[in-house]
N, C-alpha and C. Protein backbone atom coordinates (compact mmCIF):
# COMPACT_ATOMS: atom_id res chain seq x y z
N UNK A 1 65.23 53.52 75.16
CA UNK A 1 66.29 53.95 76.04
C UNK A 1 66.32 55.47 76.04
N UNK A 2 66.30 56.10 77.22
CA UNK A 2 66.29 57.56 77.24
C UNK A 2 67.64 58.11 76.80
N UNK A 3 67.57 59.31 76.24
CA UNK A 3 68.80 59.96 75.77
C UNK A 3 69.71 60.28 76.94
N UNK A 4 70.97 60.10 76.70
CA UNK A 4 71.91 60.47 77.76
C UNK A 4 72.11 61.99 77.75
N UNK A 5 72.61 62.47 78.80
CA UNK A 5 72.77 63.92 78.98
C UNK A 5 73.72 64.50 77.92
N UNK A 6 74.72 63.73 77.52
CA UNK A 6 75.71 64.24 76.57
C UNK A 6 75.16 64.32 75.15
N UNK A 7 74.08 63.56 74.83
CA UNK A 7 73.54 63.56 73.48
C UNK A 7 72.56 64.70 73.25
N UNK A 8 72.09 65.34 74.30
CA UNK A 8 71.14 66.44 74.12
C UNK A 8 71.85 67.65 73.54
N UNK A 9 71.14 68.42 72.74
CA UNK A 9 71.77 69.64 72.22
C UNK A 9 71.99 70.64 73.36
N UNK A 10 73.11 71.30 73.30
CA UNK A 10 73.42 72.28 74.34
C UNK A 10 72.65 73.56 74.08
N UNK A 11 72.12 74.11 75.14
CA UNK A 11 71.44 75.40 75.04
C UNK A 11 72.36 76.44 75.66
N UNK A 12 72.53 77.52 74.96
CA UNK A 12 73.41 78.56 75.48
C UNK A 12 72.58 79.60 76.23
N UNK A 13 73.16 80.09 77.27
CA UNK A 13 72.53 81.17 78.01
C UNK A 13 72.93 82.47 77.32
N UNK A 14 71.95 83.12 76.72
CA UNK A 14 72.26 84.31 75.95
C UNK A 14 72.79 85.41 76.85
N UNK A 15 73.93 85.94 76.48
CA UNK A 15 74.50 87.08 77.19
C UNK A 15 75.10 86.77 78.54
N UNK A 16 75.11 85.52 78.96
CA UNK A 16 75.62 85.18 80.29
C UNK A 16 77.10 84.83 80.29
N UNK A 17 77.58 84.27 79.21
CA UNK A 17 78.95 83.77 79.22
C UNK A 17 79.99 84.88 79.15
N UNK A 18 79.62 86.03 78.67
CA UNK A 18 80.60 87.11 78.52
C UNK A 18 80.02 88.41 79.07
N UNK A 19 79.50 88.36 80.26
CA UNK A 19 78.84 89.52 80.84
C UNK A 19 79.87 90.54 81.32
N UNK A 20 79.66 91.78 80.98
CA UNK A 20 80.52 92.86 81.45
C UNK A 20 79.83 93.49 82.65
N UNK A 21 80.54 93.50 83.76
CA UNK A 21 79.96 94.06 84.97
C UNK A 21 80.18 95.56 84.98
N UNK A 22 79.15 96.28 85.35
CA UNK A 22 79.25 97.73 85.40
C UNK A 22 79.67 98.14 86.81
N UNK A 23 80.81 98.72 86.91
CA UNK A 23 81.31 99.19 88.19
C UNK A 23 81.64 100.66 88.07
N UNK A 24 81.63 101.37 89.18
CA UNK A 24 81.97 102.79 89.10
C UNK A 24 83.44 102.96 88.72
N UNK A 25 83.72 104.05 88.06
CA UNK A 25 85.09 104.33 87.65
C UNK A 25 85.98 104.66 88.83
N UNK A 26 87.27 104.63 88.61
CA UNK A 26 88.22 104.98 89.66
C UNK A 26 88.16 106.48 89.89
N UNK A 27 87.99 106.91 91.14
CA UNK A 27 87.93 108.35 91.40
C UNK A 27 89.28 109.01 91.14
N UNK A 28 89.29 110.33 90.95
CA UNK A 28 90.56 111.03 90.72
C UNK A 28 91.46 110.96 91.94
N UNK A 29 92.77 111.18 91.76
CA UNK A 29 93.72 111.06 92.87
C UNK A 29 93.40 111.95 94.07
N UNK A 30 92.84 113.15 93.83
CA UNK A 30 92.53 114.04 94.95
C UNK A 30 91.46 113.42 95.85
N UNK A 31 90.46 112.80 95.24
CA UNK A 31 89.39 112.17 96.02
C UNK A 31 89.93 110.96 96.78
N UNK A 32 90.78 110.18 96.11
CA UNK A 32 91.39 109.02 96.78
C UNK A 32 92.23 109.46 97.97
N UNK A 33 92.98 110.55 97.81
CA UNK A 33 93.83 111.04 98.90
C UNK A 33 92.97 111.48 100.08
N UNK A 34 91.86 112.15 99.80
CA UNK A 34 90.97 112.60 100.88
C UNK A 34 90.37 111.41 101.62
N UNK A 35 90.00 110.37 100.88
CA UNK A 35 89.45 109.17 101.53
C UNK A 35 90.50 108.47 102.37
N UNK A 36 91.73 108.39 101.86
CA UNK A 36 92.80 107.73 102.61
C UNK A 36 93.09 108.47 103.91
N UNK A 37 93.05 109.81 103.87
CA UNK A 37 93.33 110.59 105.08
C UNK A 37 92.21 110.47 106.09
N UNK A 38 91.03 110.03 105.67
CA UNK A 38 89.91 109.87 106.59
C UNK A 38 90.06 108.71 107.54
N UNK A 39 90.93 107.78 107.23
CA UNK A 39 91.12 106.62 108.10
C UNK A 39 92.05 106.96 109.25
N UNK A 40 91.89 106.26 110.33
CA UNK A 40 92.82 106.42 111.45
C UNK A 40 94.04 105.58 111.11
N UNK A 41 95.07 106.25 110.63
CA UNK A 41 96.23 105.53 110.15
C UNK A 41 97.36 105.48 111.16
N UNK A 42 97.28 106.30 112.19
CA UNK A 42 98.39 106.33 113.13
C UNK A 42 98.18 105.24 114.17
N UNK A 43 98.69 104.08 113.87
CA UNK A 43 98.48 102.92 114.74
C UNK A 43 99.17 103.08 116.07
N UNK A 44 100.28 103.79 116.10
CA UNK A 44 100.98 104.00 117.38
C UNK A 44 100.13 104.82 118.33
N UNK A 45 99.49 105.87 117.82
CA UNK A 45 98.63 106.70 118.68
C UNK A 45 97.43 105.89 119.16
N UNK A 46 96.80 105.14 118.27
CA UNK A 46 95.65 104.33 118.66
C UNK A 46 96.05 103.27 119.68
N UNK A 47 97.21 102.68 119.49
CA UNK A 47 97.68 101.67 120.43
C UNK A 47 97.96 102.26 121.80
N UNK A 48 98.58 103.44 121.83
CA UNK A 48 98.89 104.04 123.13
C UNK A 48 97.62 104.46 123.86
N UNK A 49 96.61 104.95 123.14
CA UNK A 49 95.34 105.31 123.78
C UNK A 49 94.70 104.06 124.37
N UNK A 50 94.64 103.01 123.58
CA UNK A 50 94.02 101.77 124.04
C UNK A 50 94.77 101.17 125.23
N UNK A 51 96.10 101.22 125.19
CA UNK A 51 96.91 100.68 126.29
C UNK A 51 96.75 101.52 127.56
N UNK A 52 96.75 102.85 127.41
CA UNK A 52 96.61 103.73 128.58
C UNK A 52 95.29 103.49 129.30
N UNK A 53 94.21 103.39 128.54
CA UNK A 53 92.90 103.24 129.16
C UNK A 53 92.59 101.81 129.57
N UNK A 54 93.44 100.86 129.18
CA UNK A 54 93.18 99.47 129.57
C UNK A 54 93.44 99.24 131.05
N UNK A 55 94.16 100.16 131.68
CA UNK A 55 94.49 100.01 133.10
C UNK A 55 93.45 100.66 134.01
N UNK A 56 92.43 101.28 133.44
CA UNK A 56 91.41 101.96 134.24
C UNK A 56 90.09 101.22 134.17
N UNK A 57 89.26 101.47 135.15
CA UNK A 57 87.89 100.96 135.14
C UNK A 57 86.95 102.13 135.26
N UNK A 58 85.89 102.21 134.50
CA UNK A 58 85.48 101.31 133.42
C UNK A 58 86.37 101.49 132.19
N UNK A 59 86.37 100.51 131.33
CA UNK A 59 87.21 100.53 130.13
C UNK A 59 86.58 101.45 129.09
N UNK A 60 87.00 102.72 129.11
CA UNK A 60 86.40 103.71 128.21
C UNK A 60 87.34 104.15 127.11
N UNK A 61 88.39 103.42 126.86
CA UNK A 61 89.35 103.84 125.85
C UNK A 61 89.49 102.95 124.65
N UNK A 62 88.44 102.25 124.22
CA UNK A 62 88.64 101.44 123.02
C UNK A 62 88.73 102.33 121.79
N UNK A 63 89.58 101.97 120.88
CA UNK A 63 89.72 102.76 119.66
C UNK A 63 88.61 102.41 118.68
N UNK A 64 88.08 101.20 118.77
CA UNK A 64 86.96 100.79 117.92
C UNK A 64 85.69 101.34 118.55
N UNK A 65 84.88 102.09 117.80
CA UNK A 65 83.68 102.68 118.39
C UNK A 65 82.65 101.63 118.79
N UNK A 66 81.89 101.90 119.86
CA UNK A 66 80.85 100.95 120.27
C UNK A 66 79.71 100.91 119.26
N UNK A 67 79.04 99.77 119.18
CA UNK A 67 77.98 99.58 118.19
C UNK A 67 76.66 100.15 118.70
N UNK A 68 76.01 100.96 117.86
CA UNK A 68 74.69 101.51 118.15
C UNK A 68 73.79 101.14 116.98
N UNK A 69 72.84 100.25 117.22
CA UNK A 69 72.00 99.75 116.13
C UNK A 69 71.10 100.84 115.55
N UNK A 70 70.75 101.85 116.34
CA UNK A 70 69.88 102.90 115.82
C UNK A 70 70.61 103.81 114.83
N UNK A 71 71.92 103.78 114.83
CA UNK A 71 72.70 104.56 113.86
C UNK A 71 73.14 103.71 112.68
N UNK A 72 72.83 102.44 112.69
CA UNK A 72 73.22 101.53 111.62
C UNK A 72 72.17 101.58 110.52
N UNK A 73 72.57 102.02 109.32
CA UNK A 73 71.61 102.15 108.21
C UNK A 73 71.11 100.81 107.71
N UNK A 74 71.84 99.73 107.98
CA UNK A 74 71.44 98.41 107.48
C UNK A 74 70.25 97.83 108.24
N UNK A 75 69.97 98.34 109.43
CA UNK A 75 68.84 97.82 110.20
C UNK A 75 67.72 98.85 110.33
N UNK A 76 67.74 99.88 109.50
CA UNK A 76 66.67 100.89 109.52
C UNK A 76 65.28 100.28 109.34
N UNK A 77 65.09 99.30 108.45
CA UNK A 77 63.74 98.74 108.29
C UNK A 77 63.17 98.17 109.59
N UNK A 78 64.02 97.63 110.46
CA UNK A 78 63.52 97.08 111.72
C UNK A 78 62.85 98.16 112.56
N UNK A 79 63.44 99.32 112.60
CA UNK A 79 62.90 100.40 113.44
C UNK A 79 61.63 101.01 112.86
N UNK A 80 61.25 100.63 111.64
CA UNK A 80 60.00 101.10 111.05
C UNK A 80 58.81 100.19 111.39
N UNK A 81 59.08 99.02 111.97
CA UNK A 81 57.99 98.11 112.34
C UNK A 81 57.10 98.74 113.40
N UNK A 82 55.84 98.31 113.37
CA UNK A 82 54.86 98.82 114.33
C UNK A 82 55.22 98.35 115.74
N UNK A 83 55.26 99.26 116.66
CA UNK A 83 55.50 98.93 118.05
C UNK A 83 56.94 99.08 118.50
N UNK A 84 57.87 99.17 117.57
CA UNK A 84 59.28 99.26 117.95
C UNK A 84 59.56 100.61 118.60
N UNK A 85 59.04 101.69 118.02
CA UNK A 85 59.27 103.02 118.59
C UNK A 85 58.65 103.13 119.98
N UNK A 86 57.49 102.50 120.18
CA UNK A 86 56.83 102.52 121.49
C UNK A 86 57.70 101.78 122.52
N UNK A 87 58.24 100.64 122.12
CA UNK A 87 59.11 99.88 123.02
C UNK A 87 60.38 100.66 123.35
N UNK A 88 60.93 101.34 122.36
CA UNK A 88 62.12 102.16 122.60
C UNK A 88 61.82 103.29 123.58
N UNK A 89 60.64 103.88 123.48
CA UNK A 89 60.26 104.96 124.40
C UNK A 89 60.08 104.41 125.82
N UNK A 90 59.50 103.22 125.95
CA UNK A 90 59.30 102.62 127.28
C UNK A 90 60.64 102.29 127.95
N UNK A 91 61.62 101.89 127.16
CA UNK A 91 62.92 101.52 127.72
C UNK A 91 63.91 102.69 127.74
N UNK A 92 63.40 103.88 127.46
CA UNK A 92 64.21 105.11 127.44
C UNK A 92 65.37 105.01 126.44
N UNK A 93 65.07 104.40 125.31
CA UNK A 93 66.05 104.29 124.22
C UNK A 93 65.58 105.07 123.00
N UNK A 94 64.96 106.23 123.24
CA UNK A 94 64.50 107.06 122.12
C UNK A 94 65.68 107.37 121.20
N UNK A 95 65.41 107.50 119.91
CA UNK A 95 66.50 107.81 118.98
C UNK A 95 67.22 109.09 119.38
N UNK A 96 68.54 109.16 119.26
CA UNK A 96 69.43 108.20 118.63
C UNK A 96 69.83 107.03 119.52
N UNK A 97 69.37 106.98 120.75
CA UNK A 97 69.68 105.85 121.62
C UNK A 97 71.13 105.84 122.03
N UNK A 98 71.54 104.72 122.59
CA UNK A 98 72.95 104.58 122.98
C UNK A 98 73.42 103.19 122.57
N UNK A 99 74.71 102.99 122.66
CA UNK A 99 75.29 101.72 122.24
C UNK A 99 75.10 100.67 123.33
N UNK A 100 75.60 99.47 123.06
CA UNK A 100 75.50 98.38 124.03
C UNK A 100 76.28 98.69 125.30
N UNK A 101 77.37 99.47 125.18
CA UNK A 101 78.20 99.79 126.34
C UNK A 101 77.60 100.88 127.22
N UNK A 102 76.63 101.62 126.70
CA UNK A 102 75.96 102.64 127.50
C UNK A 102 76.34 104.06 127.10
N UNK A 103 75.63 105.05 127.69
CA UNK A 103 75.83 106.44 127.29
C UNK A 103 77.20 107.00 127.65
N UNK A 104 77.81 106.50 128.72
CA UNK A 104 79.13 107.01 129.11
C UNK A 104 80.17 106.62 128.06
N UNK A 105 80.11 105.39 127.58
CA UNK A 105 81.03 104.94 126.54
C UNK A 105 80.79 105.71 125.24
N UNK A 106 79.52 106.00 124.94
CA UNK A 106 79.20 106.79 123.75
C UNK A 106 79.78 108.19 123.85
N UNK A 107 79.63 108.81 125.03
CA UNK A 107 80.15 110.15 125.22
C UNK A 107 81.66 110.16 125.06
N UNK A 108 82.33 109.18 125.66
CA UNK A 108 83.79 109.13 125.55
C UNK A 108 84.21 108.92 124.10
N UNK A 109 83.48 108.10 123.36
CA UNK A 109 83.82 107.85 121.97
C UNK A 109 83.57 109.07 121.09
N UNK A 110 82.53 109.85 121.40
CA UNK A 110 82.17 111.00 120.57
C UNK A 110 82.90 112.28 120.97
N UNK A 111 83.21 112.45 122.26
CA UNK A 111 83.77 113.71 122.72
C UNK A 111 84.93 113.56 123.70
N UNK A 112 85.38 112.36 123.94
CA UNK A 112 86.43 112.11 124.92
C UNK A 112 87.81 112.54 124.45
N UNK A 113 88.78 112.41 125.34
CA UNK A 113 90.13 112.85 125.03
C UNK A 113 90.79 112.01 123.93
N UNK A 114 90.53 110.72 123.91
CA UNK A 114 91.08 109.88 122.86
C UNK A 114 90.54 110.26 121.49
N UNK A 115 89.23 110.53 121.43
CA UNK A 115 88.61 110.95 120.17
C UNK A 115 89.19 112.29 119.73
N UNK A 116 89.32 113.23 120.65
CA UNK A 116 89.84 114.55 120.30
C UNK A 116 91.26 114.44 119.76
N UNK A 117 92.07 113.64 120.42
CA UNK A 117 93.46 113.48 119.99
C UNK A 117 93.55 112.90 118.58
N UNK A 118 92.83 111.80 118.35
CA UNK A 118 92.90 111.16 117.03
C UNK A 118 92.27 112.02 115.94
N UNK A 119 91.15 112.67 116.24
CA UNK A 119 90.50 113.48 115.21
C UNK A 119 91.34 114.68 114.83
N UNK A 120 92.01 115.31 115.81
CA UNK A 120 92.88 116.44 115.47
C UNK A 120 94.08 115.97 114.66
N UNK A 121 94.64 114.83 115.00
CA UNK A 121 95.77 114.30 114.22
C UNK A 121 95.34 114.03 112.79
N UNK A 122 94.17 113.44 112.62
CA UNK A 122 93.70 113.12 111.27
C UNK A 122 93.28 114.36 110.50
N UNK A 123 92.72 115.34 111.20
CA UNK A 123 92.25 116.56 110.55
C UNK A 123 93.41 117.33 109.93
N UNK A 124 94.52 117.41 110.66
CA UNK A 124 95.65 118.20 110.18
C UNK A 124 96.75 117.35 109.56
N UNK A 125 96.51 116.07 109.40
CA UNK A 125 97.44 115.21 108.68
C UNK A 125 98.65 114.77 109.48
N UNK A 126 98.64 114.97 110.79
CA UNK A 126 99.79 114.55 111.59
C UNK A 126 99.78 113.04 111.74
N UNK A 127 100.95 112.46 111.75
CA UNK A 127 101.05 111.02 111.94
C UNK A 127 100.84 110.22 110.68
N UNK A 128 100.70 110.89 109.54
CA UNK A 128 100.50 110.17 108.29
C UNK A 128 101.79 110.17 107.48
N UNK A 129 102.41 109.04 107.36
CA UNK A 129 103.57 108.97 106.49
C UNK A 129 103.08 108.84 105.05
N UNK A 130 103.93 109.16 104.11
CA UNK A 130 103.55 109.13 102.70
C UNK A 130 103.15 107.72 102.28
N UNK A 131 103.85 106.72 102.80
CA UNK A 131 103.56 105.34 102.41
C UNK A 131 102.17 104.92 102.88
N UNK A 132 101.79 105.36 104.09
CA UNK A 132 100.49 104.96 104.62
C UNK A 132 99.35 105.69 103.94
N UNK A 133 99.52 106.99 103.69
CA UNK A 133 98.44 107.78 103.11
C UNK A 133 98.20 107.41 101.66
N UNK A 134 99.27 107.23 100.90
CA UNK A 134 99.10 106.92 99.48
C UNK A 134 98.62 105.50 99.24
N UNK A 135 98.91 104.60 100.15
CA UNK A 135 98.45 103.23 100.00
C UNK A 135 98.99 102.58 98.74
N UNK A 136 98.10 102.04 97.91
CA UNK A 136 98.50 101.31 96.71
C UNK A 136 99.00 102.23 95.61
N UNK A 137 98.80 103.55 95.75
CA UNK A 137 99.30 104.47 94.73
C UNK A 137 100.82 104.49 94.69
N UNK A 138 101.46 104.06 95.76
CA UNK A 138 102.92 104.06 95.83
C UNK A 138 103.53 102.84 95.14
N UNK A 139 102.71 101.88 94.74
CA UNK A 139 103.24 100.63 94.19
C UNK A 139 104.02 100.89 92.91
N UNK A 140 105.22 100.35 92.84
CA UNK A 140 106.10 100.41 91.67
C UNK A 140 106.55 101.83 91.32
N UNK A 141 106.64 102.72 92.31
CA UNK A 141 107.18 104.06 92.09
C UNK A 141 108.57 104.11 92.70
N UNK A 142 109.50 104.72 91.99
CA UNK A 142 110.85 104.87 92.51
C UNK A 142 111.57 103.55 92.69
N UNK A 143 111.47 102.67 91.72
CA UNK A 143 112.09 101.36 91.83
C UNK A 143 113.61 101.50 91.70
N UNK A 144 114.34 100.89 92.59
CA UNK A 144 115.79 100.90 92.53
C UNK A 144 116.28 99.51 92.10
N UNK A 145 117.43 99.45 91.42
CA UNK A 145 117.93 98.14 90.98
C UNK A 145 118.31 97.28 92.17
N UNK A 146 118.16 95.99 92.00
CA UNK A 146 118.50 95.04 93.05
C UNK A 146 119.94 94.58 92.81
N UNK A 147 120.82 94.96 93.72
CA UNK A 147 122.21 94.51 93.64
C UNK A 147 122.40 93.40 94.66
N UNK A 148 122.48 92.20 94.16
CA UNK A 148 122.60 91.05 95.04
C UNK A 148 124.03 90.75 95.43
N UNK A 149 124.24 89.57 95.93
CA UNK A 149 125.54 89.12 96.40
C UNK A 149 126.56 89.12 95.27
N UNK A 150 126.12 88.84 94.06
CA UNK A 150 127.03 88.71 92.93
C UNK A 150 127.25 90.02 92.18
N UNK A 151 126.80 91.13 92.72
CA UNK A 151 127.05 92.43 92.11
C UNK A 151 125.97 92.85 91.14
N UNK A 152 126.15 94.03 90.54
CA UNK A 152 125.11 94.57 89.66
C UNK A 152 124.93 93.79 88.37
N UNK A 153 125.94 93.00 87.96
CA UNK A 153 125.82 92.25 86.72
C UNK A 153 125.30 90.84 86.93
N UNK A 154 125.20 90.39 88.17
CA UNK A 154 124.60 89.11 88.46
C UNK A 154 125.52 87.92 88.36
N UNK A 155 126.83 88.13 88.28
CA UNK A 155 127.75 87.01 88.26
C UNK A 155 129.01 87.39 89.04
N UNK A 156 129.79 86.39 89.35
CA UNK A 156 130.97 86.62 90.19
C UNK A 156 132.10 87.26 89.40
N UNK A 157 132.83 88.16 90.09
CA UNK A 157 134.05 88.73 89.51
C UNK A 157 135.10 88.82 90.61
N UNK A 158 135.34 87.72 91.29
CA UNK A 158 136.26 87.74 92.42
C UNK A 158 137.65 87.21 92.08
N UNK A 159 137.91 86.92 90.82
CA UNK A 159 139.25 86.51 90.40
C UNK A 159 139.71 87.47 89.30
N UNK A 160 141.02 87.62 89.12
CA UNK A 160 141.50 88.56 88.10
C UNK A 160 141.00 88.21 86.70
N UNK A 161 140.93 86.91 86.38
CA UNK A 161 140.45 86.54 85.04
C UNK A 161 138.99 86.94 84.84
N UNK A 162 138.15 86.71 85.87
CA UNK A 162 136.73 87.08 85.76
C UNK A 162 136.56 88.60 85.71
N UNK A 163 137.46 89.34 86.37
CA UNK A 163 137.36 90.79 86.31
C UNK A 163 137.69 91.30 84.91
N UNK A 164 138.70 90.69 84.30
CA UNK A 164 139.11 91.12 82.97
C UNK A 164 138.13 90.65 81.90
N UNK A 165 137.65 89.43 82.02
CA UNK A 165 136.76 88.84 81.02
C UNK A 165 135.57 88.23 81.75
N UNK A 166 134.57 89.03 82.11
CA UNK A 166 133.47 88.50 82.93
C UNK A 166 132.60 87.49 82.20
N UNK A 167 132.56 87.56 80.87
CA UNK A 167 131.72 86.62 80.15
C UNK A 167 132.30 86.42 78.76
N UNK A 168 132.27 85.20 78.24
CA UNK A 168 132.76 85.00 76.88
C UNK A 168 131.86 85.67 75.85
N UNK A 169 130.65 86.02 76.23
CA UNK A 169 129.70 86.64 75.32
C UNK A 169 129.74 88.16 75.38
N UNK A 170 130.53 88.71 76.32
CA UNK A 170 130.57 90.16 76.49
C UNK A 170 129.47 90.61 77.45
N UNK A 171 129.57 91.85 77.87
CA UNK A 171 128.55 92.38 78.78
C UNK A 171 127.57 93.23 78.01
N UNK A 172 126.35 93.23 78.45
CA UNK A 172 125.31 94.02 77.80
C UNK A 172 125.31 95.45 78.31
N UNK A 173 126.18 95.75 79.24
CA UNK A 173 126.19 97.07 79.85
C UNK A 173 127.36 97.88 79.33
N UNK A 174 127.22 99.19 79.30
CA UNK A 174 128.31 100.06 78.88
C UNK A 174 129.16 100.52 80.06
N UNK A 175 128.70 100.22 81.27
CA UNK A 175 129.45 100.63 82.44
C UNK A 175 130.65 99.71 82.65
N UNK A 176 131.57 100.17 83.47
CA UNK A 176 132.79 99.41 83.72
C UNK A 176 132.47 98.09 84.41
N UNK A 177 133.23 97.06 84.08
CA UNK A 177 132.98 95.75 84.69
C UNK A 177 133.90 95.47 85.86
N UNK A 178 134.78 96.38 86.22
CA UNK A 178 135.66 96.17 87.37
C UNK A 178 135.91 97.48 88.08
């Protein structure tokens, strides 16, 4: 009778069960702040640009940039294949080429009025509230006590007896109970 799987001795994978993953350290706050400011955080401005240009033809006001595969670093190996550069030259798509939407959409995205407006706002920090720029760095800063329906002590004191003697055990606070 062959051995069952449970009767075989267990083999351990050396070093696999408690592997420590090497990740880069957290950058200093100045670097994090610079990265946060690099994002387009003013959603109202982006929304108004997109809404304004949605009423015109051609649609040249998208806030999301058009995709250009020749500028995408993840597909660089494709452009190194034999014959690809020749095909790009025949189709007048010499590097850097243009996006799927065409050269007019690329120009508007790179130098148009919407781009100028958003880039100037981001460059000089306009439209960035402290909460948006700091992101997760604001978590648990400036916590205020939660005063609910039952008051700061968490129990009712709406009768004279409860005001005078809020608890038979006494209060843990030194502040006044009424």
